[in-house]
């Protein structure tokens, strides 16, 4: 009961103001989707987003929750509408709640009452600019706790994101300590088309290794080596293993120096992670302008020559081989045919449906 009282104090308001999908979302049918807001941190600033159901009302019918993290454009509403639309089309809204937190940054002209981050820091679990006690990953911790209290019948929680949201979901999977598996709630992380991944040691792909696409990626544990071959080159890629790309220099982050590298490795390897990759997210036509072209980012894929960069598909395939071949992680890879760097294409696919909503 103390926990319930704490959450009631924390939630400032959670109003299903309107709904764009249908009234099945638990809101009246108008032009805007359901919205929520709750207070967090010592400064008690508001975190806002979208939800198919009120988050401050007891609901015993819900069995599955999907927390969807938006991409670099911070278009949480579009992500919400896509995933909620998939749930509705497959008659899942009666037992599923879809939640899309909206991480705003200093470029979004935030009001004085809202939490906001730097436009890169929110992706990595960084602290809010106006309240250093609240990390972006802390918000997901709070949502999971709300789900446990207000949706006591919950059996499965998925945290998923595409692009920058995929970066968020992957690093959150390695970082958080609120994973609910020990409580009998299936916790899954679905990582879709990120530009980079959090590596668990200093090994990276050899310069001579090849990975063209899902049909030609003959990588093994021996394809990775230490140190990264370009770390001491003229490009001065000495920070290739710093957080967010690796486990070094993570002070001031949610993941923090108080957790050992071994604990992070053990935690991430044991978690249920699915890598969802579009097989056409591998060209200059696929949002190449938003691709991480830094040296630490390029270290995560096969060498492609001067001024060429490995695409997201190749980086994802490389990381999947790295985590399964070196660490024997029981993670899953799903290739989505026909999808470029497009969250709607990815989440509406038949490959995404069972893994995102835990129907498999």
Protein backbone atom coordinates (compact mmCIF):
# COMPACT_ATOMS: atom_id res chain seq x y z
CA UNK A 1 0.00 0.00 0.00
CA UNK A 2 2.94 2.35 0.61
CA UNK A 3 4.02 1.83 -3.01
CA UNK A 4 0.51 2.57 -4.27
CA UNK A 5 0.42 5.78 -2.25
CA UNK A 6 3.82 6.80 -3.59
CA UNK A 7 2.68 6.33 -7.17
CA UNK A 8 -0.52 8.22 -6.57
CA UNK A 9 1.60 11.11 -5.32
CA UNK A 10 4.01 10.81 -8.26
CA UNK A 11 1.34 10.85 -10.96
CA UNK A 12 0.19 14.41 -11.46
CA UNK A 13 -2.43 13.57 -14.05
CA UNK A 14 -2.98 10.84 -16.59
CA UNK A 15 -5.80 11.80 -18.84
CA UNK A 16 -6.98 10.02 -21.95
CA UNK A 17 -7.88 13.34 -23.51
CA UNK A 18 -8.72 12.10 -26.99
CA UNK A 19 -8.00 9.23 -29.35
CA UNK A 20 -7.12 9.07 -33.02
CA UNK A 21 -7.45 5.31 -33.53
CA UNK A 22 -10.90 4.39 -32.13
CA UNK A 23 -12.78 4.59 -28.86
CA UNK A 24 -11.43 1.08 -28.12
CA UNK A 25 -8.42 2.90 -26.74
CA UNK A 26 -10.46 3.87 -23.71
CA UNK A 27 -10.75 7.52 -24.73
CA UNK A 28 -13.27 9.59 -26.64
CA UNK A 29 -12.74 9.64 -30.40
CA UNK A 30 -11.34 13.04 -31.36
CA UNK A 31 -8.20 14.23 -33.11
CA UNK A 32 -5.46 13.65 -30.55
CA UNK A 33 -4.31 10.38 -28.96
CA UNK A 34 -4.49 9.65 -25.26
CA UNK A 35 -1.89 11.57 -23.32
CA UNK A 36 -0.32 11.09 -19.92
CA UNK A 37 1.89 13.11 -17.62
CA UNK A 38 3.55 12.23 -14.34
CA UNK A 39 5.99 14.00 -12.06
CA UNK A 40 9.46 12.64 -11.45
CA UNK A 41 12.71 13.54 -9.71
CA UNK A 42 13.59 15.92 -6.91
CA UNK A 43 12.44 18.93 -8.94
CA UNK A 44 9.08 17.26 -9.67
CA UNK A 45 9.10 18.09 -13.36
CA UNK A 46 6.59 16.46 -15.72
CA UNK A 47 7.28 13.58 -18.08
CA UNK A 48 4.72 13.35 -20.86
CA UNK A 49 3.75 10.88 -23.54
CA UNK A 50 0.92 8.82 -24.98
CA UNK A 51 -0.93 5.76 -23.74
CA UNK A 52 -3.89 3.69 -24.89
CA UNK A 53 -5.23 3.59 -21.32
CA UNK A 54 -5.09 5.79 -18.22
CA UNK A 55 -2.01 5.02 -16.16
CA UNK A 56 -3.53 6.04 -12.83
CA UNK A 57 -6.57 3.73 -12.81
CA UNK A 58 -6.53 0.13 -11.64
CA UNK A 59 -7.01 -2.24 -14.60
CA UNK A 60 -7.02 -6.00 -14.08
CA UNK A 61 -7.69 -6.95 -17.72
CA UNK A 62 -4.33 -5.98 -19.20
CA UNK A 63 -1.81 -8.79 -19.69
CA UNK A 64 0.77 -7.17 -22.02
CA UNK A 65 2.43 -3.75 -22.16
CA UNK A 66 4.46 -2.36 -25.05
CA UNK A 67 6.65 0.65 -24.28
CA UNK A 68 7.65 2.19 -27.61
CA UNK A 69 10.62 4.60 -27.80
CA UNK A 70 10.63 7.16 -30.62
CA UNK A 71 13.54 7.96 -32.90
CA UNK A 72 15.86 10.92 -33.37
CA UNK A 73 13.04 13.21 -34.54
CA UNK A 74 11.31 12.67 -31.18
CA UNK A 75 8.00 11.98 -32.93
CA UNK A 76 6.45 10.00 -30.12
CA UNK A 77 2.91 10.54 -31.37
CA UNK A 78 3.64 8.91 -34.73
CA UNK A 79 5.30 5.92 -33.09
CA UNK A 80 2.37 5.60 -30.70
CA UNK A 81 -0.18 5.68 -33.51
CA UNK A 82 1.73 3.07 -35.50
CA UNK A 83 2.07 0.55 -32.68
CA UNK A 84 -1.39 1.20 -31.21
CA UNK A 85 -2.78 0.79 -34.72
CA UNK A 86 -1.09 -2.60 -35.04
CA UNK A 87 -2.55 -3.64 -31.69
CA UNK A 88 -6.02 -2.56 -32.78
CA UNK A 89 -5.77 -4.26 -36.17
CA UNK A 90 -4.91 -7.54 -34.44
CA UNK A 91 -7.61 -7.23 -31.74
CA UNK A 92 -5.08 -6.90 -28.94
CA UNK A 93 -6.25 -3.72 -27.26
CA UNK A 94 -8.49 -5.55 -24.83
CA UNK A 95 -5.47 -7.10 -23.13
CA UNK A 96 -2.62 -4.78 -24.20
CA UNK A 97 -1.58 -1.26 -23.22
CA UNK A 98 0.71 0.70 -25.54
CA UNK A 99 2.78 3.50 -23.97
CA UNK A 100 5.01 6.00 -25.80
CA UNK A 101 7.06 8.36 -23.60
CA UNK A 102 8.07 11.62 -25.27
CA UNK A 103 11.65 12.66 -24.60
CA UNK A 104 11.95 16.34 -25.48
CA UNK A 105 15.29 18.10 -25.80
CA UNK A 106 16.62 21.61 -25.48
CA UNK A 107 15.82 22.30 -29.15
CA UNK A 108 12.11 21.72 -28.55
CA UNK A 109 11.51 24.91 -26.53
CA UNK A 110 10.41 23.04 -23.40
CA UNK A 111 8.19 24.77 -20.91
CA UNK A 112 9.37 25.32 -17.35
CA UNK A 113 7.41 22.41 -15.96
CA UNK A 114 8.70 19.65 -18.26
CA UNK A 115 11.73 17.40 -18.06
CA UNK A 116 14.08 17.78 -21.01
CA UNK A 117 17.42 16.41 -22.15
CA UNK A 118 20.19 17.23 -24.58
CA UNK A 119 19.27 15.99 -28.04
CA UNK A 120 21.86 13.22 -27.80
CA UNK A 121 21.77 12.50 -24.06
CA UNK A 122 18.23 11.12 -23.89
CA UNK A 123 19.21 8.25 -26.24
CA UNK A 124 21.94 7.00 -23.91
CA UNK A 125 20.23 7.17 -20.54
CA UNK A 126 21.67 10.59 -19.72
CA UNK A 127 20.40 12.93 -16.98
CA UNK A 128 17.75 15.55 -17.66
CA UNK A 129 19.13 19.07 -18.08
CA UNK A 130 16.72 20.49 -15.50
CA UNK A 131 16.94 17.64 -12.99
CA UNK A 132 20.13 15.59 -12.85
CA UNK A 133 18.41 13.02 -10.59
CA UNK A 134 16.26 11.85 -13.52
CA UNK A 135 17.90 9.85 -16.29
CA UNK A 136 15.97 9.05 -19.44
CA UNK A 137 16.22 5.37 -18.42
CA UNK A 138 14.73 6.30 -15.03
CA UNK A 139 11.51 7.17 -16.85
CA UNK A 140 11.17 3.60 -18.10
CA UNK A 141 11.85 2.33 -14.57
CA UNK A 142 8.97 4.50 -13.36
CA UNK A 143 6.61 3.32 -16.11
CA UNK A 144 7.39 -0.32 -15.31
CA UNK A 145 6.63 0.33 -11.65
CA UNK A 146 3.35 2.02 -12.59
CA UNK A 147 2.46 -1.01 -14.72
CA UNK A 148 3.14 -3.39 -11.85
CA UNK A 149 0.92 -1.44 -9.46
CA UNK A 150 -1.98 -0.32 -11.65
CA UNK A 151 -2.06 -3.33 -13.98
CA UNK A 152 -1.66 -6.24 -11.53
CA UNK A 153 -2.56 -8.85 -14.17
CA UNK A 154 0.44 -7.91 -16.34
CA UNK A 155 2.35 -10.93 -17.64
CA UNK A 156 4.60 -9.43 -20.32
CA UNK A 157 6.38 -6.10 -20.86
CA UNK A 158 8.22 -5.17 -24.06
CA UNK A 159 10.56 -2.20 -24.37
CA UNK A 160 11.19 -1.48 -28.02
CA UNK A 161 12.52 1.31 -30.19
CA UNK A 162 13.57 2.02 -33.75
CA UNK A 163 16.68 3.93 -34.86
CA UNK A 164 17.64 6.20 -31.93
CA UNK A 165 14.90 4.43 -30.00
CA UNK A 166 16.65 1.15 -30.83
CA UNK A 167 19.85 2.55 -29.31
CA UNK A 168 17.83 3.45 -26.21
CA UNK A 169 16.21 0.02 -25.92
CA UNK A 170 19.50 -1.87 -26.34
CA UNK A 171 21.38 0.15 -23.76
CA UNK A 172 18.45 0.07 -21.36
CA UNK A 173 18.45 -3.72 -21.61
CA UNK A 174 22.08 -3.76 -20.46
CA UNK A 175 21.64 -1.09 -17.79
CA UNK A 176 18.42 -1.48 -15.84
CA UNK A 177 17.94 -3.27 -12.55
CA UNK A 178 14.13 -3.42 -12.69
CA UNK A 179 13.84 -6.27 -15.21
CA UNK A 180 10.74 -8.15 -14.09
CA UNK A 181 11.65 -11.74 -14.99
CA UNK A 182 12.16 -12.62 -11.31
CA UNK A 183 8.62 -11.37 -10.61
CA UNK A 184 7.07 -13.73 -13.14
CA UNK A 185 6.60 -11.02 -15.78
CA UNK A 186 8.23 -11.75 -19.15
CA UNK A 187 10.50 -8.80 -20.03
CA UNK A 188 11.64 -8.40 -23.62
CA UNK A 189 13.71 -5.82 -25.49
CA UNK A 190 13.14 -5.42 -29.23
CA UNK A 191 15.94 -3.43 -30.85
CA UNK A 192 15.17 -2.14 -34.35
CA UNK A 193 17.73 -0.65 -36.77
CA UNK A 194 19.95 1.41 -34.44
CA UNK A 195 23.06 3.16 -35.76
CA UNK A 196 25.21 1.78 -32.96
CA UNK A 197 25.25 -0.71 -30.10
CA UNK A 198 26.74 -0.96 -26.64
CA UNK A 199 29.60 -3.49 -26.92
CA UNK A 200 30.55 -5.51 -23.86
CA UNK A 201 34.33 -5.61 -24.29
CA UNK A 202 37.13 -4.02 -26.33
CA UNK A 203 36.91 -6.38 -29.31
CA UNK A 204 35.68 -5.11 -32.65
CA UNK A 205 35.48 -6.53 -36.14
CA UNK A 206 38.74 -7.19 -37.99
CA UNK A 207 39.49 -4.98 -40.95
CA UNK A 208 39.47 -7.99 -43.26
CA UNK A 209 36.14 -9.39 -42.05
CA UNK A 210 33.20 -9.42 -44.44
CA UNK A 211 29.49 -8.91 -43.85
CA UNK A 212 27.50 -7.80 -46.87
CA UNK A 213 23.94 -8.73 -45.91
CA UNK A 214 21.94 -11.42 -44.14
CA UNK A 215 22.84 -13.92 -46.89
CA UNK A 216 26.57 -13.14 -46.89
CA UNK A 217 27.86 -12.49 -43.38
CA UNK A 218 30.27 -15.34 -42.54
CA UNK A 219 31.38 -14.01 -39.16
CA UNK A 220 32.57 -16.09 -36.20
CA UNK A 221 34.11 -15.35 -32.81
CA UNK A 222 37.49 -15.24 -34.56
CA UNK A 223 36.28 -12.33 -36.71
CA UNK A 224 36.67 -9.98 -33.73
CA UNK A 225 39.91 -8.81 -32.17
CA UNK A 226 41.48 -6.47 -29.61
CA UNK A 227 42.44 -3.75 -29.97
CA UNK A 228 40.26 -2.24 -32.63
CA UNK A 229 42.59 -1.93 -35.60
CA UNK A 230 41.92 1.77 -36.14
CA UNK A 231 42.27 2.79 -32.49
CA UNK A 232 45.84 4.02 -32.88
CA UNK A 233 45.61 5.21 -36.45
CA UNK A 234 45.72 8.72 -37.82
CA UNK A 235 41.97 8.92 -37.25
CA UNK A 236 42.66 8.78 -33.49
CA UNK A 237 39.77 6.49 -32.73
CA UNK A 238 40.93 6.07 -29.15
CA UNK A 239 37.43 6.54 -27.73
CA UNK A 240 35.87 3.67 -29.66
CA UNK A 241 35.12 1.82 -26.41
CA UNK A 242 33.83 4.78 -24.40
CA UNK A 243 30.16 4.75 -23.41
CA UNK A 244 27.78 4.79 -25.39
CA UNK A 245 29.78 2.49 -27.69
CA UNK A 246 31.51 0.49 -24.95
CA UNK A 247 31.78 0.20 -21.19
CA UNK A 248 34.62 2.65 -20.52
CA UNK A 249 34.14 6.18 -19.13
CA UNK A 250 30.51 5.78 -18.17
CA UNK A 251 30.65 7.97 -15.06
CA UNK A 252 27.68 10.31 -14.79
CA UNK A 253 25.45 7.88 -16.69
CA UNK A 254 22.53 5.80 -15.48
CA UNK A 255 24.64 2.69 -16.04
CA UNK A 256 27.28 4.26 -13.80
CA UNK A 257 30.72 3.18 -12.55
CA UNK A 258 29.21 1.54 -9.47
CA UNK A 259 28.27 -1.52 -11.57
CA UNK A 260 31.12 -3.75 -12.75
CA UNK A 261 31.68 -4.65 -16.38
CA UNK A 262 31.07 -8.27 -15.46
CA UNK A 263 27.70 -7.47 -13.94
CA UNK A 264 26.64 -5.58 -17.05
CA UNK A 265 27.74 -8.43 -19.31
CA UNK A 266 25.93 -11.03 -17.24
CA UNK A 267 22.80 -8.90 -17.09
CA UNK A 268 22.64 -8.16 -20.81
CA UNK A 269 23.48 -11.68 -21.99
CA UNK A 270 20.75 -13.20 -19.83
CA UNK A 271 18.01 -10.89 -21.01
CA UNK A 272 15.50 -11.58 -23.74
CA UNK A 273 16.67 -9.42 -26.64
CA UNK A 274 15.40 -9.50 -30.22
CA UNK A 275 17.24 -7.63 -32.99
CA UNK A 276 14.80 -6.51 -35.68
CA UNK A 277 16.62 -5.45 -38.87
CA UNK A 278 15.21 -4.17 -42.16
CA UNK A 279 17.01 -5.89 -45.02
CA UNK A 280 16.92 -2.71 -47.10
CA UNK A 281 18.39 -0.50 -44.38
CA UNK A 282 21.71 -0.90 -46.17
CA UNK A 283 22.07 1.91 -48.68
CA UNK A 284 22.54 5.64 -49.04
CA UNK A 285 18.84 5.88 -49.80
CA UNK A 286 17.94 4.71 -46.29
CA UNK A 287 18.26 7.84 -44.10
CA UNK A 288 22.01 7.93 -44.64
CA UNK A 289 22.13 11.50 -43.29
CA UNK A 290 21.14 10.21 -39.83
CA UNK A 291 23.63 7.31 -39.83
CA UNK A 292 26.35 7.50 -37.15
CA UNK A 293 29.47 8.06 -39.25
CA UNK A 294 31.86 8.59 -36.35
CA UNK A 295 34.91 6.39 -35.96
CA UNK A 296 33.38 4.57 -32.94
CA UNK A 297 30.25 4.01 -35.01
CA UNK A 298 32.21 2.71 -38.01
CA UNK A 299 34.09 0.34 -35.68
CA UNK A 300 30.83 -1.58 -35.34
CA UNK A 301 30.63 -2.78 -38.89
CA UNK A 302 32.77 -4.15 -41.70
CA UNK A 303 35.38 -1.87 -43.19
CA UNK A 304 34.08 -0.46 -46.46
CA UNK A 305 36.94 1.73 -47.62
CA UNK A 306 37.79 5.41 -47.37
CA UNK A 307 34.78 7.66 -46.74
CA UNK A 308 32.43 4.68 -46.80
CA UNK A 309 30.45 3.58 -43.78
CA UNK A 310 28.80 0.28 -42.78
CA UNK A 311 25.03 0.55 -42.90
CA UNK A 312 22.62 -0.30 -40.11
CA UNK A 313 21.86 -3.77 -41.45
CA UNK A 314 25.56 -4.64 -41.51
CA UNK A 315 26.18 -3.20 -38.04
CA UNK A 316 23.22 -5.13 -36.68
CA UNK A 317 24.34 -8.40 -38.23
CA UNK A 318 27.85 -7.78 -36.93
CA UNK A 319 26.64 -7.17 -33.38
CA UNK A 320 24.38 -10.22 -33.48
CA UNK A 321 27.36 -12.41 -34.42
CA UNK A 322 29.47 -10.70 -31.77
CA UNK A 323 26.99 -11.24 -28.93
CA UNK A 324 26.05 -14.81 -29.91
CA UNK A 325 29.42 -16.13 -31.13
CA UNK A 326 31.62 -14.63 -28.40
CA UNK A 327 29.23 -14.52 -25.43
CA UNK A 328 26.79 -17.27 -26.44
CA UNK A 329 23.87 -14.95 -25.69
CA UNK A 330 20.53 -16.66 -26.43
CA UNK A 331 19.32 -13.60 -28.33
CA UNK A 332 17.19 -13.65 -31.48
CA UNK A 333 17.59 -12.06 -34.90
CA UNK A 334 14.65 -11.24 -37.15
CA UNK A 335 15.15 -9.87 -40.67
CA UNK A 336 12.25 -7.83 -42.04
CA UNK A 337 12.18 -8.02 -45.85
CA UNK A 338 11.47 -4.89 -47.86
CA UNK A 339 11.98 -2.37 -45.04
CA UNK A 340 14.39 0.54 -45.25
CA UNK A 341 14.88 2.88 -42.26
CA UNK A 342 11.14 3.16 -41.65
CA UNK A 343 9.52 2.43 -38.29
CA UNK A 344 6.03 2.01 -39.77
CA UNK A 345 7.27 -0.63 -42.20
CA UNK A 346 9.10 -2.42 -39.41
CA UNK A 347 6.36 -2.46 -36.78
CA UNK A 348 3.59 -3.33 -39.22
CA UNK A 349 5.50 -6.35 -40.50
CA UNK A 350 4.51 -9.95 -39.79
CA UNK A 351 8.00 -10.46 -38.34
CA UNK A 352 7.52 -7.73 -35.71
CA UNK A 353 4.01 -8.61 -34.52
CA UNK A 354 4.76 -11.77 -32.49
CA UNK A 355 7.98 -10.50 -30.94
CA UNK A 356 6.76 -7.01 -30.00
CA UNK A 357 3.47 -8.22 -28.51
CA UNK A 358 5.02 -11.45 -27.15
CA UNK A 359 2.67 -13.74 -29.06
CA UNK A 360 5.42 -16.24 -29.90
